[in-house]
PDB file of N, CA and C in Angstrom:
ATOM      1  N   MET A   1      -7.642  95.509 162.556  1.00  0.00           N
ATOM      2  CA  MET A   1      -6.856  96.402 162.016  1.00  0.00           C
ATOM      3  C   MET A   1      -5.446  96.513 162.670  1.00  0.00           C
ATOM      4  N   GLN A   2      -4.290  96.454 161.864  1.00  0.00           N
ATOM      5  CA  GLN A   2      -2.941  96.483 162.403  1.00  0.00           C
ATOM      6  C   GLN A   2      -2.161  97.528 161.814  1.00  0.00           C
ATOM      7  N   ILE A   3      -1.497  98.356 162.473  1.00  0.00           N
ATOM      8  CA  ILE A   3      -0.738  99.373 162.054  1.00  0.00           C
ATOM      9  C   ILE A   3       0.902  98.910 162.335  1.00  0.00           C
ATOM     10  N   LEU A   4       1.592  99.065 161.219  1.00  0.00           N
ATOM     11  CA  LEU A   4       3.010  98.634 161.162  1.00  0.00           C
ATOM     12  C   LEU A   4       3.792  99.940 160.891  1.00  0.00           C
ATOM     13  N   ALA A   5       4.706 100.383 161.474  1.00  0.00           N
ATOM     14  CA  ALA A   5       6.041 101.271 160.999  1.00  0.00           C
ATOM     15  C   ALA A   5       7.050 100.610 160.270  1.00  0.00           C
ATOM     16  N   ILE A   6       7.522 100.724 159.244  1.00  0.00           N
ATOM     17  CA  ILE A   6       8.735 100.191 158.651  1.00  0.00           C
ATOM     18  C   ILE A   6       9.934 101.120 158.441  1.00  0.00           C
ATOM     19  N   SER A   7      11.106 100.810 158.879  1.00  0.00           N
ATOM     20  CA  SER A   7      12.082 101.950 158.967  1.00  0.00           C
ATOM     21  C   SER A   7      13.409 101.255 158.810  1.00  0.00           C
ATOM     22  N   PRO A   8      14.302 101.779 158.109  1.00  0.00           N
ATOM     23  CA  PRO A   8      15.690 101.379 158.057  1.00  0.00           C
ATOM     24  C   PRO A   8      16.542 101.297 159.347  1.00  0.00           C
ATOM     25  N   ASP A   9      16.035 101.748 160.196  1.00  0.00           N
ATOM     26  CA  ASP A   9      16.851 102.083 161.520  1.00  0.00           C
ATOM     27  C   ASP A   9      16.875 100.763 162.269  1.00  0.00           C
ATOM     28  N   PRO A  10      17.795 100.558 163.129  1.00  0.00           N
ATOM     29  CA  PRO A  10      18.001  99.476 163.987  1.00  0.00           C
ATOM     30  C   PRO A  10      16.718  99.297 164.838  1.00  0.00           C
ATOM     31  N   ASN A  11      16.494  98.052 165.254  1.00  0.00           N
ATOM     32  CA  ASN A  11      15.266  98.011 166.258  1.00  0.00           C
ATOM     33  C   ASN A  11      15.418  98.810 167.474  1.00  0.00           C
ATOM     34  N   GLU A  12      16.534  98.776 167.957  1.00  0.00           N
ATOM     35  CA  GLU A  12      16.757  99.594 169.222  1.00  0.00           C
ATOM     36  C   GLU A  12      16.322 101.166 169.173  1.00  0.00           C
ATOM     37  N   ARG A  13      16.714 101.608 167.993  1.00  0.00           N
ATOM     38  CA  ARG A  13      16.410 103.037 167.519  1.00  0.00           C
ATOM     39  C   ARG A  13      14.828 103.308 167.394  1.00  0.00           C
ATOM     40  N   SER A  14      14.288 102.276 166.892  1.00  0.00           N
ATOM     41  CA  SER A  14      12.973 102.279 166.608  1.00  0.00           C
ATOM     42  C   SER A  14      12.097 102.136 167.855  1.00  0.00           C
ATOM     43  N   GLN A  15      12.678 101.236 168.800  1.00  0.00           N
ATOM     44  CA  GLN A  15      11.962 101.195 169.929  1.00  0.00           C
ATOM     45  C   GLN A  15      12.022 102.178 170.819  1.00  0.00           C
ATOM     46  N   GLY A  16      12.997 102.915 170.828  1.00  0.00           N
ATOM     47  CA  GLY A  16      13.386 104.238 171.402  1.00  0.00           C
ATOM     48  C   GLY A  16      12.218 105.117 171.065  1.00  0.00           C
ATOM     49  N   LEU A  17      12.145 105.269 169.822  1.00  0.00           N
ATOM     50  CA  LEU A  17      11.204 106.190 169.269  1.00  0.00           C
ATOM     51  C   LEU A  17       9.618 105.813 169.509  1.00  0.00           C
ATOM     52  N   ALA A  18       9.504 104.715 169.560  1.00  0.00           N
ATOM     53  CA  ALA A  18       7.960 103.966 169.837  1.00  0.00           C
ATOM     54  C   ALA A  18       7.736 104.314 171.197  1.00  0.00           C
ATOM     55  N   GLU A  19       8.520 104.232 172.132  1.00  0.00           N
ATOM     56  CA  GLU A  19       8.489 104.703 173.465  1.00  0.00           C
ATOM     57  C   GLU A  19       8.464 106.248 173.702  1.00  0.00           C
ATOM     58  N   LYS A  20       9.039 106.894 173.074  1.00  0.00           N
ATOM     59  CA  LYS A  20       8.973 108.476 173.080  1.00  0.00           C
ATOM     60  C   LYS A  20       7.561 108.926 172.543  1.00  0.00           C
ATOM     61  N   LEU A  21       6.955 108.210 171.520  1.00  0.00           N
ATOM     62  CA  LEU A  21       5.801 108.794 170.709  1.00  0.00           C
ATOM     63  C   LEU A  21       4.655 107.818 171.743  1.00  0.00           C
ATOM     64  N   ARG A  22       4.900 107.020 172.496  1.00  0.00           N
ATOM     65  CA  ARG A  22       3.880 106.282 172.996  1.00  0.00           C
ATOM     66  C   ARG A  22       2.986 105.572 172.121  1.00  0.00           C
ATOM     67  N   ALA A  23       3.712 105.146 171.061  1.00  0.00           N
ATOM     68  CA  ALA A  23       3.080 104.499 170.011  1.00  0.00           C
ATOM     69  C   ALA A  23       2.384 103.221 170.302  1.00  0.00           C
ATOM     70  N   ARG A  24       1.429 102.887 169.748  1.00  0.00           N
ATOM     71  CA  ARG A  24       0.810 101.634 169.967  1.00  0.00           C
ATOM     72  C   ARG A  24       0.728 100.704 168.823  1.00  0.00           C
ATOM     73  N   TYR A  25       1.699 100.946 167.970  1.00  0.00           N
ATOM     74  CA  TYR A  25       2.036 100.049 166.883  1.00  0.00           C
ATOM     75  C   TYR A  25       3.264  99.497 166.812  1.00  0.00           C
ATOM     76  N   ARG A  26       3.575  98.643 165.845  1.00  0.00           N
ATOM     77  CA  ARG A  26       4.859  98.107 165.868  1.00  0.00           C
ATOM     78  C   ARG A  26       5.782  98.757 164.870  1.00  0.00           C
ATOM     79  N   PHE A  27       6.865  98.762 165.318  1.00  0.00           N
ATOM     80  CA  PHE A  27       8.063  99.273 164.308  1.00  0.00           C
ATOM     81  C   PHE A  27       8.739  97.797 163.646  1.00  0.00           C
ATOM     82  N   LEU A  28       8.912  97.757 162.319  1.00  0.00           N
ATOM     83  CA  LEU A  28       9.844  96.781 161.839  1.00  0.00           C
ATOM     84  C   LEU A  28      10.887  97.327 161.322  1.00  0.00           C
ATOM     85  N   ALA A  29      11.987  96.598 161.313  1.00  0.00           N
ATOM     86  CA  ALA A  29      13.376  97.106 160.631  1.00  0.00           C
ATOM     87  C   ALA A  29      13.450  96.499 159.273  1.00  0.00           C
ATOM     88  N   ASP A  30      13.814  97.365 158.209  1.00  0.00           N
ATOM     89  CA  ASP A  30      14.149  97.028 156.885  1.00  0.00           C
ATOM     90  C   ASP A  30      15.499  97.498 156.841  1.00  0.00           C
ATOM     91  N   ARG A  31      16.542  97.007 157.417  1.00  0.00           N
ATOM     92  CA  ARG A  31      17.846  97.544 157.366  1.00  0.00           C
ATOM     93  C   ARG A  31      18.384  97.478 156.037  1.00  0.00           C
ATOM     94  N   ASP A  32      18.103  96.483 155.123  1.00  0.00           N
ATOM     95  CA  ASP A  32      18.863  96.551 153.778  1.00  0.00           C
ATOM     96  C   ASP A  32      17.746  97.122 152.827  1.00  0.00           C
ATOM     97  N   LEU A  33      16.658  97.600 153.177  1.00  0.00           N
ATOM     98  CA  LEU A  33      15.659  98.192 152.310  1.00  0.00           C
ATOM     99  C   LEU A  33      15.061  97.342 151.345  1.00  0.00           C
ATOM    100  N   ALA A  34      15.004  96.027 151.662  1.00  0.00           N
ATOM    101  CA  ALA A  34      14.390  94.921 150.793  1.00  0.00           C
ATOM    102  C   ALA A  34      12.939  95.252 150.463  1.00  0.00           C
ATOM    103  N   VAL A  35      12.270  95.454 151.560  1.00  0.00           N
ATOM    104  CA  VAL A  35      10.793  95.818 151.543  1.00  0.00           C
ATOM    105  C   VAL A  35      10.570  97.143 150.841  1.00  0.00           C
ATOM    106  N   THR A  36      11.276  98.150 151.130  1.00  0.00           N
ATOM    107  CA  THR A  36      11.236  99.397 150.545  1.00  0.00           C
ATOM    108  C   THR A  36      11.319  99.269 149.106  1.00  0.00           C
ATOM    109  N   ARG A  37      12.437  98.606 148.563  1.00  0.00           N
ATOM    110  CA  ARG A  37      12.784  98.328 147.180  1.00  0.00           C
ATOM    111  C   ARG A  37      11.811  97.454 146.492  1.00  0.00           C
ATOM    112  N   ARG A  38      11.263  96.611 147.230  1.00  0.00           N
ATOM    113  CA  ARG A  38      10.007  95.779 146.539  1.00  0.00           C
ATOM    114  C   ARG A  38       8.912  96.806 146.043  1.00  0.00           C
ATOM    115  N   TYR A  39       8.684  97.641 146.676  1.00  0.00           N
ATOM    116  CA  TYR A  39       7.480  98.558 146.549  1.00  0.00           C
ATOM    117  C   TYR A  39       8.021  99.865 145.652  1.00  0.00           C
ATOM    118  N   GLY A  40       9.165  99.990 145.336  1.00  0.00           N
ATOM    119  CA  GLY A  40       9.586 101.008 144.682  1.00  0.00           C
ATOM    120  C   GLY A  40       9.639 102.313 145.317  1.00  0.00           C
ATOM    121  N   LEU A  41      10.077 102.233 146.573  1.00  0.00           N
ATOM    122  CA  LEU A  41      10.053 103.681 147.454  1.00  0.00           C
ATOM    123  C   LEU A  41      11.549 103.781 147.894  1.00  0.00           C
ATOM    124  N   VAL A  42      12.434 103.750 147.050  1.00  0.00           N
ATOM    125  CA  VAL A  42      13.572 104.258 147.570  1.00  0.00           C
ATOM    126  C   VAL A  42      14.299 105.368 146.692  1.00  0.00           C
ATOM    127  N   GLN A  43      14.949 106.426 147.350  1.00  0.00           N
ATOM    128  CA  GLN A  43      15.388 107.336 146.706  1.00  0.00           C
ATOM    129  C   GLN A  43      17.022 107.129 146.582  1.00  0.00           C
ATOM    130  N   PRO A  44      17.313 106.751 145.421  1.00  0.00           N
ATOM    131  CA  PRO A  44      18.755 106.542 145.282  1.00  0.00           C
ATOM    132  C   PRO A  44      19.921 107.618 145.703  1.00  0.00           C
ATOM    133  N   ARG A  45      20.677 107.427 146.407  1.00  0.00           N
ATOM    134  CA  ARG A  45      21.807 108.277 146.882  1.00  0.00           C
ATOM    135  C   ARG A  45      21.125 109.533 147.553  1.00  0.00           C
ATOM    136  N   GLY A  46      19.947 109.426 148.251  1.00  0.00           N
ATOM    137  CA  GLY A  46      19.312 110.503 148.788  1.00  0.00           C
ATOM    138  C   GLY A  46      19.708 110.759 150.283  1.00  0.00           C
ATOM    139  N   GLY A  47      20.368 109.917 150.879  1.00  0.00           N
ATOM    140  CA  GLY A  47      21.029 109.924 152.259  1.00  0.00           C
ATOM    141  C   GLY A  47      22.063 111.013 152.393  1.00  0.00           C
ATOM    142  N   PRO A  48      22.406 111.648 153.420  1.00  0.00           N
ATOM    143  CA  PRO A  48      23.456 112.536 153.768  1.00  0.00           C
ATOM    144  C   PRO A  48      24.880 111.930 153.275  1.00  0.00           C
ATOM    145  N   SER A  49      25.213 110.695 153.322  1.00  0.00           N
ATOM    146  CA  SER A  49      26.307 110.219 152.903  1.00  0.00           C
ATOM    147  C   SER A  49      26.242 109.531 151.382  1.00  0.00           C
ATOM    148  N   GLY A  50      25.140 109.838 150.955  1.00  0.00           N
ATOM    149  CA  GLY A  50      24.900 109.360 149.469  1.00  0.00           C
ATOM    150  C   GLY A  50      24.470 107.844 149.393  1.00  0.00           C
ATOM    151  N   GLN A  51      23.951 107.370 150.513  1.00  0.00           N
ATOM    152  CA  GLN A  51      23.284 106.196 150.496  1.00  0.00           C
ATOM    153  C   GLN A  51      21.957 106.089 149.982  1.00  0.00           C
ATOM    154  N   ASP A  52      21.381 105.007 149.622  1.00  0.00           N
ATOM    155  CA  ASP A  52      19.777 104.884 149.306  1.00  0.00           C
ATOM    156  C   ASP A  52      18.996 105.038 150.730  1.00  0.00           C
ATOM    157  N   VAL A  53      18.073 105.771 150.517  1.00  0.00           N
ATOM    158  CA  VAL A  53      17.116 105.917 151.615  1.00  0.00           C
ATOM    159  C   VAL A  53      15.822 105.446 151.361  1.00  0.00           C
ATOM    160  N   PRO A  54      14.684 105.246 152.185  1.00  0.00           N
ATOM    161  CA  PRO A  54      13.348 105.405 151.764  1.00  0.00           C
ATOM    162  C   PRO A  54      12.694 106.461 151.546  1.00  0.00           C
ATOM    163  N   ILE A  55      11.588 106.427 150.636  1.00  0.00           N
ATOM    164  CA  ILE A  55      10.884 107.622 150.601  1.00  0.00           C
ATOM    165  C   ILE A  55       9.854 107.638 151.629  1.00  0.00           C
ATOM    166  N   PRO A  56       9.629 108.624 152.405  1.00  0.00           N
ATOM    167  CA  PRO A  56       8.556 108.577 153.358  1.00  0.00           C
ATOM    168  C   PRO A  56       7.144 108.247 152.459  1.00  0.00           C
ATOM    169  N   THR A  57       6.409 107.183 153.066  1.00  0.00           N
ATOM    170  CA  THR A  57       5.413 106.808 152.566  1.00  0.00           C
ATOM    171  C   THR A  57       4.273 106.283 153.505  1.00  0.00           C
ATOM    172  N   THR A  58       3.027 106.614 153.275  1.00  0.00           N
ATOM    173  CA  THR A  58       2.016 106.013 154.219  1.00  0.00           C
ATOM    174  C   THR A  58       1.083 105.285 153.474  1.00  0.00           C
ATOM    175  N   VAL A  59       0.872 104.044 153.772  1.00  0.00           N
ATOM    176  CA  VAL A  59      -0.039 103.208 153.030  1.00  0.00           C
ATOM    177  C   VAL A  59      -1.136 102.521 153.868  1.00  0.00           C
ATOM    178  N   VAL A  60      -2.368 102.623 153.380  1.00  0.00           N
ATOM    179  CA  VAL A  60      -3.280 101.684 153.823  1.00  0.00           C
ATOM    180  C   VAL A  60      -3.584 100.613 153.038  1.00  0.00           C
ATOM    181  N   ILE A  61      -3.655  99.532 153.496  1.00  0.00           N
ATOM    182  CA  ILE A  61      -3.825  98.187 152.703  1.00  0.00           C
ATOM    183  C   ILE A  61      -4.785  97.270 153.234  1.00  0.00           C
ATOM    184  N   ASP A  62      -5.743  96.900 152.501  1.00  0.00           N
ATOM    185  CA  ASP A  62      -6.784  96.095 153.290  1.00  0.00           C
ATOM    186  C   ASP A  62      -6.381  94.564 153.253  1.00  0.00           C
ATOM    187  N   ARG A  63      -7.420  93.756 153.823  1.00  0.00           N
ATOM    188  CA  ARG A  63      -6.928  92.386 154.124  1.00  0.00           C
ATOM    189  C   ARG A  63      -6.660  91.585 153.168  1.00  0.00           C
ATOM    190  N   ARG A  64      -7.045  91.907 151.988  1.00  0.00           N
ATOM    191  CA  ARG A  64      -6.544  91.115 150.785  1.00  0.00           C
ATOM    192  C   ARG A  64      -5.294  91.719 150.224  1.00  0.00           C
ATOM    193  N   GLY A  65      -4.719  92.614 150.730  1.00  0.00           N
ATOM    194  CA  GLY A  65      -3.331  93.303 150.279  1.00  0.00           C
ATOM    195  C   GLY A  65      -3.600  94.241 149.179  1.00  0.00           C
ATOM    196  N   ILE A  66      -4.659  94.821 148.933  1.00  0.00           N
ATOM    197  CA  ILE A  66      -4.994  96.010 147.962  1.00  0.00           C
ATOM    198  C   ILE A  66      -4.466  97.228 148.698  1.00  0.00           C
ATOM    199  N   VAL A  67      -3.823  97.905 147.963  1.00  0.00           N
ATOM    200  CA  VAL A  67      -3.668  99.523 148.475  1.00  0.00           C
ATOM    201  C   VAL A  67      -4.887 100.187 148.327  1.00  0.00           C
ATOM    202  N   ARG A  68      -5.367 100.908 149.315  1.00  0.00           N
ATOM    203  CA  ARG A  68      -6.597 101.572 149.346  1.00  0.00           C
ATOM    204  C   ARG A  68      -6.314 103.071 149.437  1.00  0.00           C
ATOM    205  N   TRP A  69      -5.333 103.410 150.121  1.00  0.00           N
ATOM    206  CA  TRP A  69      -4.765 104.846 150.281  1.00  0.00           C
ATOM    207  C   TRP A  69      -3.333 105.013 150.299  1.00  0.00           C
ATOM    208  N   LEU A  70      -2.701 105.922 149.758  1.00  0.00           N
ATOM    209  CA  LEU A  70      -1.271 106.031 149.725  1.00  0.00           C
ATOM    210  C   LEU A  70      -0.920 107.686 149.559  1.00  0.00           C
ATOM    211  N   ARG A  71       0.004 107.964 150.360  1.00  0.00           N
ATOM    212  CA  ARG A  71       0.666 109.238 150.321  1.00  0.00           C
ATOM    213  C   ARG A  71       2.000 109.048 150.518  1.00  0.00           C
ATOM    214  N   VAL A  72       2.658 109.768 149.354  1.00  0.00           N
ATOM    215  CA  VAL A  72       4.094 109.728 149.185  1.00  0.00           C
ATOM    216  C   VAL A  72       4.633 111.244 149.532  1.00  0.00           C
ATOM    217  N   ALA A  73       5.571 111.406 150.487  1.00  0.00           N
ATOM    218  CA  ALA A  73       6.111 112.605 150.813  1.00  0.00           C
ATOM    219  C   ALA A  73       7.423 113.082 150.073  1.00  0.00           C
ATOM    220  N   ASP A  74       7.471 114.364 149.597  1.00  0.00           N
ATOM    221  CA  ASP A  74       8.588 115.027 148.932  1.00  0.00           C
ATOM    222  C   ASP A  74       9.726 115.174 150.045  1.00  0.00           C
ATOM    223  N   ASN A  75       9.183 115.516 151.345  1.00  0.00           N
ATOM    224  CA  ASN A  75      10.035 115.790 152.475  1.00  0.00           C
ATOM    225  C   ASN A  75       9.877 114.941 153.533  1.00  0.00           C
ATOM    226  N   TYR A  76      10.854 114.408 154.019  1.00  0.00           N
ATOM    227  CA  TYR A  76      10.663 113.399 155.246  1.00  0.00           C
ATOM    228  C   TYR A  76      10.313 113.992 156.504  1.00  0.00           C
ATOM    229  N   GLN A  77      10.080 115.145 156.606  1.00  0.00           N
ATOM    230  CA  GLN A  77       9.679 115.988 157.865  1.00  0.00           C
ATOM    231  C   GLN A  77       7.992 116.120 157.704  1.00  0.00           C
ATOM    232  N   VAL A  78       7.339 115.900 156.270  1.00  0.00           N
ATOM    233  CA  VAL A  78       6.004 115.919 156.270  1.00  0.00           C
ATOM    234  C   VAL A  78       5.354 114.694 156.085  1.00  0.00           C
ATOM    235  N   ARG A  79       4.441 114.512 157.019  1.00  0.00           N
ATOM    236  CA  ARG A  79       3.608 113.437 157.000  1.00  0.00           C
ATOM    237  C   ARG A  79       2.202 113.810 156.912  1.00  0.00           C
ATOM    238  N   PRO A  80       1.466 112.662 156.436  1.00  0.00           N
ATOM    239  CA  PRO A  80      -0.027 112.899 156.368  1.00  0.00           C
ATOM    240  C   PRO A  80      -0.815 113.089 157.803  1.00  0.00           C
ATOM    241  N   ASP A  81      -1.596 113.937 157.872  1.00  0.00           N
ATOM    242  CA  ASP A  81      -2.409 114.245 158.969  1.00  0.00           C
ATOM    243  C   ASP A  81      -3.153 112.813 159.445  1.00  0.00           C
ATOM    244  N   PRO A  82      -2.749 112.666 160.780  1.00  0.00           N
ATOM    245  CA  PRO A  82      -3.297 111.278 161.283  1.00  0.00           C
ATOM    246  C   PRO A  82      -4.805 111.117 161.050  1.00  0.00           C
ATOM    247  N   VAL A  83      -5.585 112.281 161.067  1.00  0.00           N
ATOM    248  CA  VAL A  83      -6.974 111.966 160.823  1.00  0.00           C
ATOM    249  C   VAL A  83      -7.363 111.437 159.487  1.00  0.00           C
ATOM    250  N   ASP A  84      -6.496 111.976 158.497  1.00  0.00           N
ATOM    251  CA  ASP A  84      -6.735 111.358 157.071  1.00  0.00           C
ATOM    252  C   ASP A  84      -6.502 109.810 157.104  1.00  0.00           C
ATOM    253  N   VAL A  85      -5.419 109.459 157.565  1.00  0.00           N
ATOM    254  CA  VAL A  85      -4.999 107.984 157.575  1.00  0.00           C
ATOM    255  C   VAL A  85      -6.131 107.200 158.469  1.00  0.00           C
ATOM    256  N   ALA A  86      -6.599 107.710 159.663  1.00  0.00           N
ATOM    257  CA  ALA A  86      -7.623 107.059 160.395  1.00  0.00           C
ATOM    258  C   ALA A  86      -8.817 106.992 159.624  1.00  0.00           C
ATOM    259  N   ARG A  87      -9.164 107.943 158.835  1.00  0.00           N
ATOM    260  CA  ARG A  87     -10.287 107.932 158.021  1.00  0.00           C
ATOM    261  C   ARG A  87     -10.416 106.984 156.971  1.00  0.00           C
ATOM    262  N   ALA A  88      -9.094 106.696 156.269  1.00  0.00           N
ATOM    263  CA  ALA A  88      -9.057 105.839 155.279  1.00  0.00           C
ATOM    264  C   ALA A  88      -8.875 104.510 155.786  1.00  0.00           C
ATOM    265  N   ALA A  89      -8.352 104.173 156.953  1.00  0.00           N
ATOM    266  CA  ALA A  89      -8.386 103.029 157.574  1.00  0.00           C
ATOM    267  C   ALA A  89      -9.839 102.549 158.086  1.00  0.00           C
ATOM    268  N   ARG A  90     -10.662 103.419 158.563  1.00  0.00           N
ATOM    269  CA  ARG A  90     -11.855 103.131 158.891  1.00  0.00           C
ATOM    270  C   ARG A  90     -12.901 102.600 157.689  1.00  0.00           C
ATOM    271  N   GLY A  91     -12.432 103.388 156.566  1.00  0.00           N
ATOM    272  CA  GLY A  91     -13.341 102.919 155.395  1.00  0.00           C
ATOM    273  C   GLY A  91     -13.090 101.766 154.753  1.00  0.00           C
ATOM    274  N   LEU A  92     -12.242 100.838 155.271  1.00  0.00           N
ATOM    275  CA  LEU A  92     -12.020  99.564 154.887  1.00  0.00           C
ATOM    276  C   LEU A  92     -13.129  98.546 155.080  1.00  0.00           C
TER     277      LEU A  92
END
């Protein structure tokens, strides 16, 4: 199993967050939101300066690339319970 976090933030900022959280997963930068747009997870003009921003989303994808679990948040401060995500991942 592999866990990835995708963020529009620069690598340096994500790395700092990973260290602060003691994260044991990789952060990937999506600076131009190309990946985010591909999955239809962009909130147009949702940023503080009217820029497009990603919609906070947690996805569990199996080895064949099939989405097995998905949670889309209305609020960027609300994330799914890690226990629920782990349960979904263990179910693969």
